[in-house]
Amino acid sequence: LSLIEGTLDIARIEAGKLHLNRGEIHLTEFLQQMVNM
């Protein structure tokens, strides 16, 4: 699903329609999720 979303992001970038969803990220928790994956 993340690969598909990345592919869609490429299409959005090319179309000039990429939107960022900014939010708060708790670094330790975020890194732990990456480690788990």
ModelCIF file with pLDDT and N, C-alpha, C, O atoms, coordinates in Angstrom:
data_MODEL
#
_entry.id   MODEL 
#
_entity.id                         1 
_entity.type                       polymer 
_entity.pdbx_number_of_molecules   1 
#
_entity_poly.entity_id                      1 
_entity_poly.type                           'polypeptide(L)' 
_entity_poly.nstd_linkage                   no 
_entity_poly.nstd_monomer                   no 
_entity_poly.pdbx_seq_one_letter_code       LSLIEGTLDIARIEAGKLHLNRGEIHLTEFLQQMVNM 
_entity_poly.pdbx_seq_one_letter_code_can   LSLIEGTLDIARIEAGKLHLNRGEIHLTEFLQQMVNM 
_entity_poly.pdbx_strand_id                 A 
#
loop_
_entity_poly_seq.entity_id 
_entity_poly_seq.num 
_entity_poly_seq.mon_id 
_entity_poly_seq.hetero 
1 1  LEU n 
1 2  SER n 
1 3  LEU n 
1 4  ILE n 
1 5  GLU n 
1 6  GLY n 
1 7  THR n 
1 8  LEU n 
1 9  ASP n 
1 10 ILE n 
1 11 ALA n 
1 12 ARG n 
1 13 ILE n 
1 14 GLU n 
1 15 ALA n 
1 16 GLY n 
1 17 LYS n 
1 18 LEU n 
1 19 HIS n 
1 20 LEU n 
1 21 ASN n 
1 22 ARG n 
1 23 GLY n 
1 24 GLU n 
1 25 ILE n 
1 26 HIS n 
1 27 LEU n 
1 28 THR n 
1 29 GLU n 
1 30 PHE n 
1 31 LEU n 
1 32 GLN n 
1 33 GLN n 
1 34 MET n 
1 35 VAL n 
1 36 ASN n 
1 37 MET n 
#
_struct_asym.id          A 
_struct_asym.entity_id   1 
#
loop_
_ma_qa_metric.id 
_ma_qa_metric.mode 
_ma_qa_metric.name 
_ma_qa_metric.software_group_id 
_ma_qa_metric.type 
1 global pLDDT . pLDDT 
2 local  pLDDT . pLDDT 
#
_ma_qa_metric_global.metric_id      1 
_ma_qa_metric_global.metric_value   82.08 
_ma_qa_metric_global.model_id       1 
_ma_qa_metric_global.ordinal_id     1 
#
loop_
_ma_qa_metric_local.label_asym_id 
_ma_qa_metric_local.label_comp_id 
_ma_qa_metric_local.label_seq_id 
_ma_qa_metric_local.metric_id 
_ma_qa_metric_local.metric_value 
_ma_qa_metric_local.model_id 
_ma_qa_metric_local.ordinal_id 
A LEU 1  2 87.00 1 1  
A SER 2  2 81.00 1 2  
A LEU 3  2 83.00 1 3  
A ILE 4  2 87.00 1 4  
A GLU 5  2 83.00 1 5  
A GLY 6  2 80.00 1 6  
A THR 7  2 82.00 1 7  
A LEU 8  2 83.00 1 8  
A ASP 9  2 81.00 1 9  
A ILE 10 2 78.00 1 10 
A ALA 11 2 79.00 1 11 
A ARG 12 2 80.00 1 12 
A ILE 13 2 79.00 1 13 
A GLU 14 2 77.00 1 14 
A ALA 15 2 76.00 1 15 
A GLY 16 2 79.00 1 16 
A LYS 17 2 80.00 1 17 
A LEU 18 2 79.00 1 18 
A HIS 19 2 80.00 1 19 
A LEU 20 2 82.00 1 20 
A ASN 21 2 83.00 1 21 
A ARG 22 2 87.00 1 22 
A GLY 23 2 87.00 1 23 
A GLU 24 2 89.00 1 24 
A ILE 25 2 87.00 1 25 
A HIS 26 2 86.00 1 26 
A LEU 27 2 85.00 1 27 
A THR 28 2 85.00 1 28 
A GLU 29 2 85.00 1 29 
A PHE 30 2 84.00 1 30 
A LEU 31 2 82.00 1 31 
A GLN 32 2 83.00 1 32 
A GLN 33 2 81.00 1 33 
A MET 34 2 79.00 1 34 
A VAL 35 2 82.00 1 35 
A ASN 36 2 80.00 1 36 
A MET 37 2 76.00 1 37 
#
loop_
_atom_site.group_PDB 
_atom_site.id 
_atom_site.type_symbol 
_atom_site.label_atom_id 
_atom_site.label_alt_id 
_atom_site.label_comp_id 
_atom_site.label_asym_id 
_atom_site.label_entity_id 
_atom_site.label_seq_id 
_atom_site.pdbx_PDB_ins_code 
_atom_site.Cartn_x 
_atom_site.Cartn_y 
_atom_site.Cartn_z 
_atom_site.occupancy 
_atom_site.B_iso_or_equiv 
_atom_site.pdbx_formal_charge 
_atom_site.auth_seq_id 
_atom_site.auth_comp_id 
_atom_site.auth_asym_id 
_atom_site.auth_atom_id 
_atom_site.pdbx_PDB_model_num 
ATOM 1   N N  . LEU A 1 1  ? 0.832  -1.201 0.000   1.00 87.00 ? 1  LEU A N  1 
ATOM 2   C CA . LEU A 1 1  ? 0.000  0.000  0.000   1.00 87.00 ? 1  LEU A CA 1 
ATOM 3   C C  . LEU A 1 1  ? 0.870  1.255  0.000   1.00 87.00 ? 1  LEU A C  1 
ATOM 4   O O  . LEU A 1 1  ? 0.548  2.233  -0.674  1.00 87.00 ? 1  LEU A O  1 
ATOM 5   N N  . SER A 1 2  ? 1.958  1.232  0.744   1.00 81.00 ? 2  SER A N  1 
ATOM 6   C CA . SER A 1 2  ? 2.848  2.406  0.751   1.00 81.00 ? 2  SER A CA 1 
ATOM 7   C C  . SER A 1 2  ? 3.526  2.583  -0.606  1.00 81.00 ? 2  SER A C  1 
ATOM 8   O O  . SER A 1 2  ? 3.763  3.712  -1.036  1.00 81.00 ? 2  SER A O  1 
ATOM 9   N N  . LEU A 1 3  ? 3.841  1.478  -1.284  1.00 83.00 ? 3  LEU A N  1 
ATOM 10  C CA . LEU A 1 3  ? 4.416  1.586  -2.630  1.00 83.00 ? 3  LEU A CA 1 
ATOM 11  C C  . LEU A 1 3  ? 3.400  2.181  -3.601  1.00 83.00 ? 3  LEU A C  1 
ATOM 12  O O  . LEU A 1 3  ? 3.745  3.017  -4.436  1.00 83.00 ? 3  LEU A O  1 
ATOM 13  N N  . ILE A 1 4  ? 2.165  1.750  -3.488  1.00 87.00 ? 4  ILE A N  1 
ATOM 14  C CA . ILE A 1 4  ? 1.107  2.288  -4.344  1.00 87.00 ? 4  ILE A CA 1 
ATOM 15  C C  . ILE A 1 4  ? 0.921  3.779  -4.069  1.00 87.00 ? 4  ILE A C  1 
ATOM 16  O O  . ILE A 1 4  ? 0.782  4.573  -4.999  1.00 87.00 ? 4  ILE A O  1 
ATOM 17  N N  . GLU A 1 5  ? 0.919  4.153  -2.799  1.00 83.00 ? 5  GLU A N  1 
ATOM 18  C CA . GLU A 1 5  ? 0.782  5.571  -2.451  1.00 83.00 ? 5  GLU A CA 1 
ATOM 19  C C  . GLU A 1 5  ? 1.955  6.375  -3.003  1.00 83.00 ? 5  GLU A C  1 
ATOM 20  O O  . GLU A 1 5  ? 1.779  7.504  -3.459  1.00 83.00 ? 5  GLU A O  1 
ATOM 21  N N  . GLY A 1 6  ? 3.149  5.794  -2.960  1.00 80.00 ? 6  GLY A N  1 
ATOM 22  C CA . GLY A 1 6  ? 4.315  6.468  -3.527  1.00 80.00 ? 6  GLY A CA 1 
ATOM 23  C C  . GLY A 1 6  ? 4.161  6.680  -5.022  1.00 80.00 ? 6  GLY A C  1 
ATOM 24  O O  . GLY A 1 6  ? 4.533  7.725  -5.557  1.00 80.00 ? 6  GLY A O  1 
ATOM 25  N N  . THR A 1 7  ? 3.609  5.677  -5.690  1.00 82.00 ? 7  THR A N  1 
ATOM 26  C CA . THR A 1 7  ? 3.363  5.786  -7.126  1.00 82.00 ? 7  THR A CA 1 
ATOM 27  C C  . THR A 1 7  ? 2.337  6.881  -7.402  1.00 82.00 ? 7  THR A C  1 
ATOM 28  O O  . THR A 1 7  ? 2.498  7.671  -8.332  1.00 82.00 ? 7  THR A O  1 
ATOM 29  N N  . LEU A 1 8  ? 1.293  6.923  -6.596  1.00 83.00 ? 8  LEU A N  1 
ATOM 30  C CA . LEU A 1 8  ? 0.302  7.992  -6.751  1.00 83.00 ? 8  LEU A CA 1 
ATOM 31  C C  . LEU A 1 8  ? 0.916  9.366  -6.472  1.00 83.00 ? 8  LEU A C  1 
ATOM 32  O O  . LEU A 1 8  ? 0.553  10.356 -7.107  1.00 83.00 ? 8  LEU A O  1 
ATOM 33  N N  . ASP A 1 9  ? 1.842  9.415  -5.524  1.00 81.00 ? 9  ASP A N  1 
ATOM 34  C CA . ASP A 1 9  ? 2.509  10.684 -5.237  1.00 81.00 ? 9  ASP A CA 1 
ATOM 35  C C  . ASP A 1 9  ? 3.267  11.189 -6.462  1.00 81.00 ? 9  ASP A C  1 
ATOM 36  O O  . ASP A 1 9  ? 3.278  12.389 -6.736  1.00 81.00 ? 9  ASP A O  1 
ATOM 37  N N  . ILE A 1 10 ? 3.894  10.284 -7.191  1.00 78.00 ? 10 ILE A N  1 
ATOM 38  C CA . ILE A 1 10 ? 4.614  10.685 -8.404  1.00 78.00 ? 10 ILE A CA 1 
ATOM 39  C C  . ILE A 1 10 ? 3.641  11.330 -9.388  1.00 78.00 ? 10 ILE A C  1 
ATOM 40  O O  . ILE A 1 10 ? 3.929  12.380 -9.964  1.00 78.00 ? 10 ILE A O  1 
ATOM 41  N N  . ALA A 1 11 ? 2.497  10.695 -9.572  1.00 79.00 ? 11 ALA A N  1 
ATOM 42  C CA . ALA A 1 11 ? 1.486  11.258 -10.477 1.00 79.00 ? 11 ALA A CA 1 
ATOM 43  C C  . ALA A 1 11 ? 0.997  12.608 -9.958  1.00 79.00 ? 11 ALA A C  1 
ATOM 44  O O  . ALA A 1 11 ? 0.769  13.530 -10.742 1.00 79.00 ? 11 ALA A O  1 
ATOM 45  N N  . ARG A 1 12 ? 0.835  12.727 -8.639  1.00 80.00 ? 12 ARG A N  1 
ATOM 46  C CA . ARG A 1 12 ? 0.377  14.005 -8.062  1.00 80.00 ? 12 ARG A CA 1 
ATOM 47  C C  . ARG A 1 12 ? 1.429  15.097 -8.253  1.00 80.00 ? 12 ARG A C  1 
ATOM 48  O O  . ARG A 1 12 ? 1.096  16.240 -8.566  1.00 80.00 ? 12 ARG A O  1 
ATOM 49  N N  . ILE A 1 13 ? 2.690  14.740 -8.065  1.00 79.00 ? 13 ILE A N  1 
ATOM 50  C CA . ILE A 1 13 ? 3.771  15.714 -8.241  1.00 79.00 ? 13 ILE A CA 1 
ATOM 51  C C  . ILE A 1 13 ? 3.788  16.206 -9.682  1.00 79.00 ? 13 ILE A C  1 
ATOM 52  O O  . ILE A 1 13 ? 3.878  17.406 -9.944  1.00 79.00 ? 13 ILE A O  1 
ATOM 53  N N  . GLU A 1 14 ? 3.700  15.254 -10.614 1.00 77.00 ? 14 GLU A N  1 
ATOM 54  C CA . GLU A 1 14 ? 3.715  15.626 -12.027 1.00 77.00 ? 14 GLU A CA 1 
ATOM 55  C C  . GLU A 1 14 ? 2.523  16.500 -12.395 1.00 77.00 ? 14 GLU A C  1 
ATOM 56  O O  . GLU A 1 14 ? 2.624  17.362 -13.269 1.00 77.00 ? 14 GLU A O  1 
ATOM 57  N N  . ALA A 1 15 ? 1.401  16.278 -11.731 1.00 76.00 ? 15 ALA A N  1 
ATOM 58  C CA . ALA A 1 15 ? 0.206  17.080 -12.014 1.00 76.00 ? 15 ALA A CA 1 
ATOM 59  C C  . ALA A 1 15 ? 0.178  18.371 -11.189 1.00 76.00 ? 15 ALA A C  1 
ATOM 60  O O  . ALA A 1 15 ? -0.725 19.192 -11.351 1.00 76.00 ? 15 ALA A O  1 
ATOM 61  N N  . GLY A 1 16 ? 1.165  18.548 -10.308 1.00 79.00 ? 16 GLY A N  1 
ATOM 62  C CA . GLY A 1 16 ? 1.199  19.736 -9.460  1.00 79.00 ? 16 GLY A CA 1 
ATOM 63  C C  . GLY A 1 16 ? 0.137  19.731 -8.391  1.00 79.00 ? 16 GLY A C  1 
ATOM 64  O O  . GLY A 1 16 ? -0.308 20.793 -7.956  1.00 79.00 ? 16 GLY A O  1 
ATOM 65  N N  . LYS A 1 17 ? -0.286 18.533 -7.949  1.00 80.00 ? 17 LYS A N  1 
ATOM 66  C CA . LYS A 1 17 ? -1.387 18.427 -6.985  1.00 80.00 ? 17 LYS A CA 1 
ATOM 67  C C  . LYS A 1 17 ? -1.003 17.692 -5.700  1.00 80.00 ? 17 LYS A C  1 
ATOM 68  O O  . LYS A 1 17 ? -1.879 17.180 -5.003  1.00 80.00 ? 17 LYS A O  1 
ATOM 69  N N  . LEU A 1 18 ? 0.275  17.632 -5.379  1.00 79.00 ? 18 LEU A N  1 
ATOM 70  C CA . LEU A 1 18 ? 0.696  16.937 -4.162  1.00 79.00 ? 18 LEU A CA 1 
ATOM 71  C C  . LEU A 1 18 ? 0.429  17.821 -2.953  1.00 79.00 ? 18 LEU A C  1 
ATOM 72  O O  . LEU A 1 18 ? 0.843  18.980 -2.919  1.00 79.00 ? 18 LEU A O  1 
ATOM 73  N N  . HIS A 1 19 ? -0.259 17.274 -1.966  1.00 80.00 ? 19 HIS A N  1 
ATOM 74  C CA . HIS A 1 19 ? -0.549 17.991 -0.726  1.00 80.00 ? 19 HIS A CA 1 
ATOM 75  C C  . HIS A 1 19 ? 0.136  17.270 0.426   1.00 80.00 ? 19 HIS A C  1 
ATOM 76  O O  . HIS A 1 19 ? 0.074  16.044 0.527   1.00 80.00 ? 19 HIS A O  1 
ATOM 77  N N  . LEU A 1 20 ? 0.778  18.024 1.278   1.00 82.00 ? 20 LEU A N  1 
ATOM 78  C CA . LEU A 1 20 ? 1.422  17.454 2.453   1.00 82.00 ? 20 LEU A CA 1 
ATOM 79  C C  . LEU A 1 20 ? 0.452  17.514 3.622   1.00 82.00 ? 20 LEU A C  1 
ATOM 80  O O  . LEU A 1 20 ? -0.268 18.496 3.801   1.00 82.00 ? 20 LEU A O  1 
ATOM 81  N N  . ASN A 1 21 ? 0.444  16.452 4.412   1.00 83.00 ? 21 ASN A N  1 
ATOM 82  C CA . ASN A 1 21 ? -0.401 16.387 5.606   1.00 83.00 ? 21 ASN A CA 1 
ATOM 83  C C  . ASN A 1 21 ? 0.507  16.540 6.822   1.00 83.00 ? 21 ASN A C  1 
ATOM 84  O O  . ASN A 1 21 ? 0.999  15.557 7.377   1.00 83.00 ? 21 ASN A O  1 
ATOM 85  N N  . ARG A 1 22 ? 0.715  17.772 7.219   1.00 87.00 ? 22 ARG A N  1 
ATOM 86  C CA . ARG A 1 22 ? 1.616  18.037 8.337   1.00 87.00 ? 22 ARG A CA 1 
ATOM 87  C C  . ARG A 1 22 ? 0.903  17.783 9.651   1.00 87.00 ? 22 ARG A C  1 
ATOM 88  O O  . ARG A 1 22 ? -0.270 18.108 9.836   1.00 87.00 ? 22 ARG A O  1 
ATOM 89  N N  . GLY A 1 23 ? 1.654  17.197 10.537  1.00 87.00 ? 23 GLY A N  1 
ATOM 90  C CA . GLY A 1 23 ? 1.125  16.949 11.867  1.00 87.00 ? 23 GLY A CA 1 
ATOM 91  C C  . GLY A 1 23 ? 2.267  16.759 12.832  1.00 87.00 ? 23 GLY A C  1 
ATOM 92  O O  . GLY A 1 23 ? 3.435  16.781 12.446  1.00 87.00 ? 23 GLY A O  1 
ATOM 93  N N  . GLU A 1 24 ? 1.925  16.574 14.083  1.00 89.00 ? 24 GLU A N  1 
ATOM 94  C CA . GLU A 1 24 ? 2.953  16.339 15.092  1.00 89.00 ? 24 GLU A CA 1 
ATOM 95  C C  . GLU A 1 24 ? 3.436  14.899 15.002  1.00 89.00 ? 24 GLU A C  1 
ATOM 96  O O  . GLU A 1 24 ? 2.642  13.966 14.890  1.00 89.00 ? 24 GLU A O  1 
ATOM 97  N N  . ILE A 1 25 ? 4.736  14.739 15.053  1.00 87.00 ? 25 ILE A N  1 
ATOM 98  C CA . ILE A 1 25 ? 5.343  13.410 15.021  1.00 87.00 ? 25 ILE A CA 1 
ATOM 99  C C  . ILE A 1 25 ? 6.188  13.265 16.271  1.00 87.00 ? 25 ILE A C  1 
ATOM 100 O O  . ILE A 1 25 ? 7.103  14.053 16.511  1.00 87.00 ? 25 ILE A O  1 
ATOM 101 N N  . HIS A 1 26 ? 5.876  12.255 17.063  1.00 86.00 ? 26 HIS A N  1 
ATOM 102 C CA . HIS A 1 26 ? 6.667  11.942 18.248  1.00 86.00 ? 26 HIS A CA 1 
ATOM 103 C C  . HIS A 1 26 ? 7.833  11.079 17.781  1.00 86.00 ? 26 HIS A C  1 
ATOM 104 O O  . HIS A 1 26 ? 7.637  9.929  17.388  1.00 86.00 ? 26 HIS A O  1 
ATOM 105 N N  . LEU A 1 27 ? 9.028  11.621 17.822  1.00 85.00 ? 27 LEU A N  1 
ATOM 106 C CA . LEU A 1 27 ? 10.187 11.019 17.180  1.00 85.00 ? 27 LEU A CA 1 
ATOM 107 C C  . LEU A 1 27 ? 10.484 9.610  17.671  1.00 85.00 ? 27 LEU A C  1 
ATOM 108 O O  . LEU A 1 27 ? 10.677 8.711  16.853  1.00 85.00 ? 27 LEU A O  1 
ATOM 109 N N  . THR A 1 28 ? 10.525 9.394  18.964  1.00 85.00 ? 28 THR A N  1 
ATOM 110 C CA . THR A 1 28 ? 10.852 8.070  19.490  1.00 85.00 ? 28 THR A CA 1 
ATOM 111 C C  . THR A 1 28 ? 9.834  7.035  19.033  1.00 85.00 ? 28 THR A C  1 
ATOM 112 O O  . THR A 1 28 ? 10.203 5.945  18.594  1.00 85.00 ? 28 THR A O  1 
ATOM 113 N N  . GLU A 1 29 ? 8.559  7.373  19.136  1.00 85.00 ? 29 GLU A N  1 
ATOM 114 C CA . GLU A 1 29 ? 7.491  6.456  18.710  1.00 85.00 ? 29 GLU A CA 1 
ATOM 115 C C  . GLU A 1 29 ? 7.570  6.190  17.202  1.00 85.00 ? 29 GLU A C  1 
ATOM 116 O O  . GLU A 1 29 ? 7.407  5.055  16.755  1.00 85.00 ? 29 GLU A O  1 
ATOM 117 N N  . PHE A 1 30 ? 7.819  7.237  16.437  1.00 84.00 ? 30 PHE A N  1 
ATOM 118 C CA . PHE A 1 30 ? 7.912  7.126  14.983  1.00 84.00 ? 30 PHE A CA 1 
ATOM 119 C C  . PHE A 1 30 ? 9.082  6.223  14.593  1.00 84.00 ? 30 PHE A C  1 
ATOM 120 O O  . PHE A 1 30 ? 8.940  5.340  13.747  1.00 84.00 ? 30 PHE A O  1 
ATOM 121 N N  . LEU A 1 31 ? 10.233 6.455  15.214  1.00 82.00 ? 31 LEU A N  1 
ATOM 122 C CA . LEU A 1 31 ? 11.407 5.623  14.912  1.00 82.00 ? 31 LEU A CA 1 
ATOM 123 C C  . LEU A 1 31 ? 11.162 4.169  15.307  1.00 82.00 ? 31 LEU A C  1 
ATOM 124 O O  . LEU A 1 31 ? 11.590 3.257  14.599  1.00 82.00 ? 31 LEU A O  1 
ATOM 125 N N  . GLN A 1 32 ? 10.482 3.946  16.423  1.00 83.00 ? 32 GLN A N  1 
ATOM 126 C CA . GLN A 1 32 ? 10.199 2.575  16.855  1.00 83.00 ? 32 GLN A CA 1 
ATOM 127 C C  . GLN A 1 32 ? 9.309  1.857  15.842  1.00 83.00 ? 32 GLN A C  1 
ATOM 128 O O  . GLN A 1 32 ? 9.496  0.667  15.589  1.00 83.00 ? 32 GLN A O  1 
ATOM 129 N N  . GLN A 1 33 ? 8.345  2.569  15.261  1.00 81.00 ? 33 GLN A N  1 
ATOM 130 C CA . GLN A 1 33 ? 7.494  1.976  14.228  1.00 81.00 ? 33 GLN A CA 1 
ATOM 131 C C  . GLN A 1 33 ? 8.322  1.577  13.014  1.00 81.00 ? 33 GLN A C  1 
ATOM 132 O O  . GLN A 1 33 ? 8.106  0.516  12.428  1.00 81.00 ? 33 GLN A O  1 
ATOM 133 N N  . MET A 1 34 ? 9.273  2.433  12.638  1.00 79.00 ? 34 MET A N  1 
ATOM 134 C CA . MET A 1 34 ? 10.154 2.112  11.515  1.00 79.00 ? 34 MET A CA 1 
ATOM 135 C C  . MET A 1 34 ? 11.019 0.895  11.842  1.00 79.00 ? 34 MET A C  1 
ATOM 136 O O  . MET A 1 34 ? 11.211 0.018  11.000  1.00 79.00 ? 34 MET A O  1 
ATOM 137 N N  . VAL A 1 35 ? 11.533 0.850  13.055  1.00 82.00 ? 35 VAL A N  1 
ATOM 138 C CA . VAL A 1 35 ? 12.354 -0.281 13.485  1.00 82.00 ? 35 VAL A CA 1 
ATOM 139 C C  . VAL A 1 35 ? 11.540 -1.569 13.423  1.00 82.00 ? 35 VAL A C  1 
ATOM 140 O O  . VAL A 1 35 ? 12.026 -2.590 12.937  1.00 82.00 ? 35 VAL A O  1 
ATOM 141 N N  . ASN A 1 36 ? 10.300 -1.521 13.914  1.00 80.00 ? 36 ASN A N  1 
ATOM 142 C CA . ASN A 1 36 ? 9.443  -2.710 13.890  1.00 80.00 ? 36 ASN A CA 1 
ATOM 143 C C  . ASN A 1 36 ? 9.240  -3.208 12.467  1.00 80.00 ? 36 ASN A C  1 
ATOM 144 O O  . ASN A 1 36 ? 9.292  -4.411 12.213  1.00 80.00 ? 36 ASN A O  1 
ATOM 145 N N  . MET A 1 37 ? 9.009  -2.289 11.541  1.00 76.00 ? 37 MET A N  1 
ATOM 146 C CA . MET A 1 37 ? 8.783  -2.667 10.154  1.00 76.00 ? 37 MET A CA 1 
ATOM 147 C C  . MET A 1 37 ? 10.032 -3.320 9.562   1.00 76.00 ? 37 MET A C  1 
ATOM 148 O O  . MET A 1 37 ? 10.031 -3.708 8.394   1.00 76.00 ? 37 MET A O  1 
#
